[in-house]
Amino acid sequence: MTTAPLGSKANPSKHDCLPDLADDEPYFVIRADDPLANALVELHAYIGAGQAGAAHNKLAEIMELTREQPPRPAGSPKYRETFAISLSMEAWRGQNPK
């Protein structure tokens, strides 16, 4: 029997935030089937750890991956919704300071 991958629904991380979300708290999920998923998660980790050099290198890698052709059209409804979620997150933090 194999163990489900770390961070999956069947094997959540110790730091999984989904159970802790407030009912009105916006969230965004990056799934493994997104071709940029692992690079974006690494970028987030480098920035959070204060590793500016590694973050810069990872961002350069992401930009190179998408230089020739982005994974999806920039004007897609999915991306418009993504920007709306980002705005919702900013507004939520403003209304729910720590």
Protein backbone atom coordinates (compact mmCIF):
# COMPACT_ATOMS: atom_id res chain seq x y z
CA MET A 1 0.00 0.00 0.00
CA THR A 2 1.41 3.39 -0.97
CA THR A 3 0.99 6.60 0.94
CA ALA A 4 -0.78 9.47 -0.82
CA PRO A 5 1.49 12.38 -1.76
CA LEU A 6 2.11 15.00 0.92
CA GLY A 7 -0.25 17.92 0.55
CA SER A 8 -3.01 15.89 -1.08
CA LYS A 9 -6.58 15.59 0.14
CA ALA A 10 -5.75 12.07 1.39
CA ASN A 11 -2.49 13.17 3.07
CA PRO A 12 -2.78 16.85 4.05
CA SER A 13 0.24 18.80 5.23
CA LYS A 14 0.59 19.56 8.94
CA HIS A 15 0.17 23.18 7.88
CA ASP A 16 -2.94 22.64 5.73
CA CYS A 17 -5.02 25.79 6.07
CA LEU A 18 -8.34 24.60 4.65
CA PRO A 19 -9.78 23.46 7.98
CA ASP A 20 -8.85 26.84 9.51
CA LEU A 21 -10.44 29.07 6.85
CA ALA A 22 -13.09 31.47 8.05
CA ASP A 23 -16.38 31.06 6.18
CA ASP A 24 -15.85 34.39 4.43
CA GLU A 25 -12.08 34.09 3.87
CA PRO A 26 -11.09 34.01 0.18
CA TYR A 27 -8.60 31.35 -0.86
CA PHE A 28 -6.86 30.17 -4.01
CA VAL A 29 -5.78 26.62 -4.82
CA ILE A 30 -2.91 25.72 -7.14
CA ARG A 31 -3.30 22.13 -8.28
CA ALA A 32 -0.46 19.84 -9.33
CA ASP A 33 -1.87 19.59 -12.86
CA ASP A 34 -1.02 23.29 -13.43
CA PRO A 35 2.30 23.29 -15.32
CA LEU A 36 3.59 26.14 -13.14
CA ALA A 37 2.34 24.73 -9.82
CA ASN A 38 5.58 23.52 -8.25
CA ALA A 39 7.56 26.57 -9.39
CA LEU A 40 4.93 28.95 -7.99
CA VAL A 41 4.85 27.11 -4.66
CA GLU A 42 8.66 27.21 -4.48
CA LEU A 43 8.59 30.95 -5.26
CA HIS A 44 6.12 31.50 -2.42
CA ALA A 45 8.33 29.49 -0.05
CA TYR A 46 11.50 31.39 -1.01
CA ILE A 47 9.79 34.75 -0.54
CA GLY A 48 8.32 33.68 2.80
CA ALA A 49 11.72 32.46 3.98
CA GLY A 50 13.36 35.74 3.01
CA GLN A 51 15.56 34.09 0.38
CA ALA A 52 15.52 36.93 -2.15
CA GLY A 53 18.21 35.48 -4.40
CA ALA A 54 16.50 32.10 -4.70
CA ALA A 55 13.14 33.84 -5.23
CA HIS A 56 14.62 35.96 -8.01
CA ASN A 57 16.08 32.88 -9.70
CA LYS A 58 12.79 30.97 -9.41
CA LEU A 59 10.84 33.91 -10.85
CA ALA A 60 13.30 34.07 -13.75
CA GLU A 61 12.71 30.33 -14.31
CA ILE A 62 8.94 30.87 -14.33
CA MET A 63 9.26 33.75 -16.77
CA GLU A 64 11.39 31.60 -19.07
CA LEU A 65 8.83 28.78 -18.93
CA THR A 66 6.12 31.19 -20.07
CA ARG A 67 8.19 33.35 -22.44
CA GLU A 68 7.23 31.61 -25.66
CA GLN A 69 3.66 30.81 -24.78
CA PRO A 70 1.73 31.31 -21.56
CA PRO A 71 -0.05 28.20 -20.23
CA ARG A 72 -3.46 29.82 -20.87
CA PRO A 73 -4.78 32.89 -22.69
CA ALA A 74 -4.30 36.04 -20.57
CA GLY A 75 -7.87 37.21 -21.18
CA SER A 76 -9.50 33.98 -20.06
CA PRO A 77 -12.41 34.16 -17.59
CA LYS A 78 -10.34 32.00 -15.22
CA TYR A 79 -7.62 34.67 -15.01
CA ARG A 80 -10.12 37.51 -14.61
CA GLU A 81 -11.57 35.56 -11.68
CA THR A 82 -8.07 35.01 -10.27
CA PHE A 83 -7.48 38.76 -10.17
CA ALA A 84 -10.87 39.24 -8.50
CA ILE A 85 -9.88 36.67 -5.84
CA SER A 86 -6.64 38.59 -5.26
CA LEU A 87 -8.61 41.79 -4.66
CA SER A 88 -10.98 39.91 -2.33
CA MET A 89 -8.00 38.63 -0.33
CA GLU A 90 -6.59 42.13 0.07
CA ALA A 91 -9.98 43.50 1.17
CA TRP A 92 -10.52 40.60 3.60
CA ARG A 93 -7.12 41.18 5.26
CA GLY A 94 -7.99 44.86 5.63
CA GLN A 95 -11.21 43.93 7.43
CA ASN A 96 -9.61 41.14 9.51
CA PRO A 97 -6.25 42.39 10.81
CA LYS A 98 -4.23 39.99 12.91
